[in-house]
Amino acid sequence: MEKVIINSYEEFEKLVGQQIGVSDYVELSQERINLFADATLDHQWIHVDTERAKVDSPYHSTIAHGYLTLSMLPYLWNQIIQVNNLKMMINYGMDKMKFGQAVLAGQSIRLVTTLHSLTNLRGVAKAEISDSIRLRSNNVRDRKSTRLKELLCSFIISINGKLLKKQILSPEMIEIRLKS
C-alpha cells in the first residue's frame, strides 16, 4: 500500500472514518527479542531461553516482550503515513493497554491504522486513530493473519501553538489507549 502524505489539516480531515493504511509485516525474530532483552535488561526465560521454552512454556516457544511489540509502532506507522515538516513527535502516555495474544519468536506483525476523528481544540488538532496490530506466522503451514490488539491513539497536533487552515501539521503529544 502506498504511503499517505499529509501536507495540511484539510488533507488529514478528508481521512476521517477511513483506513489510513496498512504497513508491511515485520518479523520479531529471536535475535530481535534477545537484543530487546539486552536493551531493557529483561532476560526472563520466556523471552530468551529457547530450550526451556520448548519444555516449560505453554507456547512451546519463546515469545516477544509486549513492549517490543509496542516499540515497533513508530517503525510501522512511518510506513503508512508521512506528515510533512514535523517539528517533533512525543509519546504522551497510554491508558488501559492490554496484550491480547503472545507473539511467538519468528512471527510477524503489521499495523492497520484508521482515523476515527479529527477535532480542532482552539488551535490544536486532536486526532483519534485506531491502531490494530495484526499477527502472522512465518511458517507457511500456519500462516494466517489475526488481530493481536486494537489501540486507540490520540494525537495532539499543533503549529506553533495554534492550528491554522492550510498550514502544515506538527504533532506535539501522543496518547495511546486501548480501544474499548
Protein backbone atom coordinates (compact mmCIF):
# COMPACT_ATOMS: atom_id res chain seq x y z
CA MET A 1 0.00 0.00 0.00
CA GLU A 2 1.26 3.47 -0.86
CA LYS A 3 2.27 5.82 1.95
CA VAL A 4 -0.23 8.60 2.70
CA ILE A 5 1.32 12.09 2.51
CA ILE A 6 -0.28 14.82 4.67
CA ASN A 7 0.53 18.48 3.96
CA SER A 8 -2.40 20.25 5.70
CA TYR A 9 -5.19 19.90 8.23
CA GLU A 10 -7.73 19.72 5.37
CA GLU A 11 -5.92 16.75 3.81
CA PHE A 12 -5.90 14.95 7.15
CA GLU A 13 -9.56 15.81 7.75
CA LYS A 14 -10.56 14.03 4.49
CA LEU A 15 -9.36 10.75 6.04
CA VAL A 16 -11.80 10.80 9.00
CA GLY A 17 -13.67 7.49 9.15
CA GLN A 18 -11.29 5.84 6.73
CA GLN A 19 -8.46 3.36 6.97
CA ILE A 20 -5.25 5.36 6.58
CA GLY A 21 -3.15 2.38 5.63
CA VAL A 22 -1.51 -0.96 6.31
CA SER A 23 2.19 -1.50 6.98
CA ASP A 24 4.34 -4.33 5.74
CA TYR A 25 4.87 -7.27 8.07
CA VAL A 26 8.00 -7.22 10.23
CA GLU A 27 9.35 -10.38 11.84
CA LEU A 28 10.01 -10.48 15.57
CA SER A 29 12.93 -12.90 15.34
CA GLN A 30 14.70 -14.46 18.30
CA GLU A 31 17.67 -12.22 17.54
CA ARG A 32 15.45 -9.10 17.79
CA ILE A 33 13.92 -10.43 21.04
CA ASN A 34 17.39 -11.05 22.50
CA LEU A 35 18.56 -7.54 21.53
CA PHE A 36 15.45 -6.05 23.16
CA ALA A 37 16.12 -8.13 26.30
CA ASP A 38 19.67 -6.73 26.38
CA ALA A 39 18.44 -3.16 25.91
CA THR A 40 15.79 -3.42 28.66
CA LEU A 41 17.63 -5.84 30.97
CA ASP A 42 14.55 -8.12 30.83
CA HIS A 43 16.07 -11.57 30.34
CA GLN A 44 13.11 -13.58 31.60
CA TRP A 45 13.43 -17.15 30.30
CA ILE A 46 10.09 -17.00 28.41
CA HIS A 47 11.78 -14.47 26.09
CA VAL A 48 15.37 -15.69 25.76
CA ASP A 49 15.74 -19.37 26.76
CA THR A 50 14.60 -21.26 23.65
CA GLU A 51 15.32 -24.73 25.07
CA ARG A 52 13.45 -24.15 28.34
CA ALA A 53 10.56 -22.50 26.48
CA LYS A 54 10.12 -25.63 24.31
CA VAL A 55 9.50 -27.62 27.51
CA ASP A 56 8.08 -25.24 30.12
CA SER A 57 6.19 -22.64 28.10
CA PRO A 58 2.53 -23.17 27.21
CA TYR A 59 3.51 -21.78 23.77
CA HIS A 60 6.43 -24.26 23.32
CA SER A 61 8.45 -21.30 22.07
CA THR A 62 9.93 -18.09 23.34
CA ILE A 63 7.70 -15.03 22.99
CA ALA A 64 8.38 -11.39 22.21
CA HIS A 65 8.19 -8.88 25.03
CA GLY A 66 4.89 -6.99 24.91
CA TYR A 67 6.83 -3.75 24.96
CA LEU A 68 8.92 -4.94 22.00
CA THR A 69 5.67 -5.28 20.04
CA LEU A 70 4.65 -1.75 21.09
CA SER A 71 8.10 -0.38 20.32
CA MET A 72 7.61 -1.41 16.69
CA LEU A 73 4.66 1.03 16.29
CA PRO A 74 6.73 4.06 15.19
CA TYR A 75 8.54 1.98 12.55
CA LEU A 76 5.27 0.53 11.24
CA TRP A 77 3.46 3.91 11.46
CA ASN A 78 6.18 5.53 9.33
CA GLN A 79 5.45 3.02 6.55
CA ILE A 80 1.80 4.16 6.49
CA ILE A 81 1.82 7.95 6.73
CA GLN A 82 4.12 10.93 6.33
CA VAL A 83 3.21 14.29 7.85
CA ASN A 84 5.48 16.86 6.26
CA ASN A 85 7.52 19.40 8.25
CA LEU A 86 7.18 17.76 11.66
CA LYS A 87 8.97 19.55 14.46
CA MET A 88 8.81 16.59 16.86
CA MET A 89 6.63 13.73 18.00
CA ILE A 90 6.48 12.89 21.72
CA ASN A 91 4.87 9.85 23.36
CA TYR A 92 2.35 11.36 25.77
CA GLY A 93 1.23 8.15 27.52
CA MET A 94 -1.06 5.11 27.48
CA ASP A 95 -4.40 4.19 29.04
CA LYS A 96 -5.72 0.65 29.55
CA MET A 97 -3.14 -1.06 27.33
CA LYS A 98 -3.55 -4.84 27.30
CA PHE A 99 -1.81 -7.54 25.32
CA GLY A 100 -4.41 -9.85 23.80
CA GLN A 101 -2.13 -12.55 22.43
CA ALA A 102 1.51 -13.61 22.68
CA VAL A 103 3.78 -13.08 19.68
CA LEU A 104 5.95 -16.15 19.27
CA ALA A 105 9.57 -15.80 18.19
CA GLY A 106 9.63 -15.81 14.40
CA GLN A 107 6.11 -14.49 13.93
CA SER A 108 5.47 -11.23 12.09
CA ILE A 109 3.31 -8.24 12.94
CA ARG A 110 1.90 -5.38 10.91
CA LEU A 111 -0.11 -2.27 11.66
CA VAL A 112 -3.54 -1.32 10.30
CA THR A 113 -4.47 2.30 11.04
CA THR A 114 -7.83 4.10 10.84
CA LEU A 115 -8.57 7.78 11.54
CA HIS A 116 -11.69 7.90 13.75
CA SER A 117 -11.91 11.63 14.37
CA LEU A 118 -10.08 14.91 13.96
CA THR A 119 -11.03 17.81 16.21
CA ASN A 120 -9.80 21.39 16.33
CA LEU A 121 -9.38 22.25 20.03
CA ARG A 122 -8.91 26.03 19.90
CA GLY A 123 -5.82 25.95 17.74
CA VAL A 124 -4.71 22.37 18.43
CA ALA A 125 -5.89 19.38 16.42
CA LYS A 126 -6.73 16.13 18.22
CA ALA A 127 -6.74 13.02 16.03
CA GLU A 128 -8.14 9.75 17.37
CA ILE A 129 -6.54 6.91 15.49
CA SER A 130 -7.27 3.21 15.86
CA ASP A 131 -4.16 1.06 15.50
CA SER A 132 -4.70 -2.66 15.08
CA ILE A 133 -1.62 -4.85 15.28
CA ARG A 134 -2.05 -7.96 13.11
CA LEU A 135 -0.11 -11.16 13.65
CA ARG A 136 1.08 -13.66 11.04
CA SER A 137 3.11 -16.81 11.44
CA ASN A 138 6.16 -17.03 9.20
CA ASN A 139 5.59 -20.78 8.95
CA VAL A 140 3.70 -21.13 5.65
CA ARG A 141 1.75 -24.10 7.07
CA ASP A 142 0.41 -21.94 9.95
CA ARG A 143 0.15 -18.67 8.00
CA LYS A 144 -2.84 -16.58 8.90
CA SER A 145 -3.48 -13.01 9.93
CA THR A 146 -5.16 -12.48 13.27
CA ARG A 147 -5.84 -9.30 15.21
CA LEU A 148 -3.41 -9.07 18.10
CA LYS A 149 -4.61 -5.88 19.73
CA GLU A 150 -6.55 -2.78 18.93
CA LEU A 151 -5.22 0.54 20.17
CA LEU A 152 -6.89 3.90 20.07
CA CYS A 153 -4.28 6.61 19.64
CA SER A 154 -4.93 10.27 20.20
CA PHE A 155 -2.53 12.68 18.54
CA ILE A 156 -2.45 16.28 19.69
CA ILE A 157 -1.29 18.30 16.69
CA SER A 158 -0.46 21.99 16.54
CA ILE A 159 1.51 24.51 14.57
CA ASN A 160 3.40 26.94 16.73
CA GLY A 161 0.73 26.66 19.42
CA LYS A 162 -2.29 27.06 17.13
CA LEU A 163 -3.91 25.28 14.25
CA LEU A 164 -4.28 27.34 11.13
CA LYS A 165 -6.13 26.27 7.98
CA LYS A 166 -3.89 25.36 5.05
CA GLN A 167 -0.88 25.06 7.34
CA ILE A 168 1.41 22.09 7.90
CA LEU A 169 0.72 19.78 10.86
CA SER A 170 3.20 19.48 13.71
CA PRO A 171 2.42 16.77 16.33
CA GLU A 172 3.36 17.69 19.87
CA MET A 173 1.91 14.88 22.04
CA ILE A 174 0.68 11.32 21.52
CA GLU A 175 -1.64 9.38 23.81
CA ILE A 176 -2.19 5.67 23.22
CA ARG A 177 -5.08 3.83 24.89
CA LEU A 178 -6.82 0.54 24.26
CA LYS A 179 -9.99 0.86 22.22
CA SER A 180 -12.95 -0.47 24.20
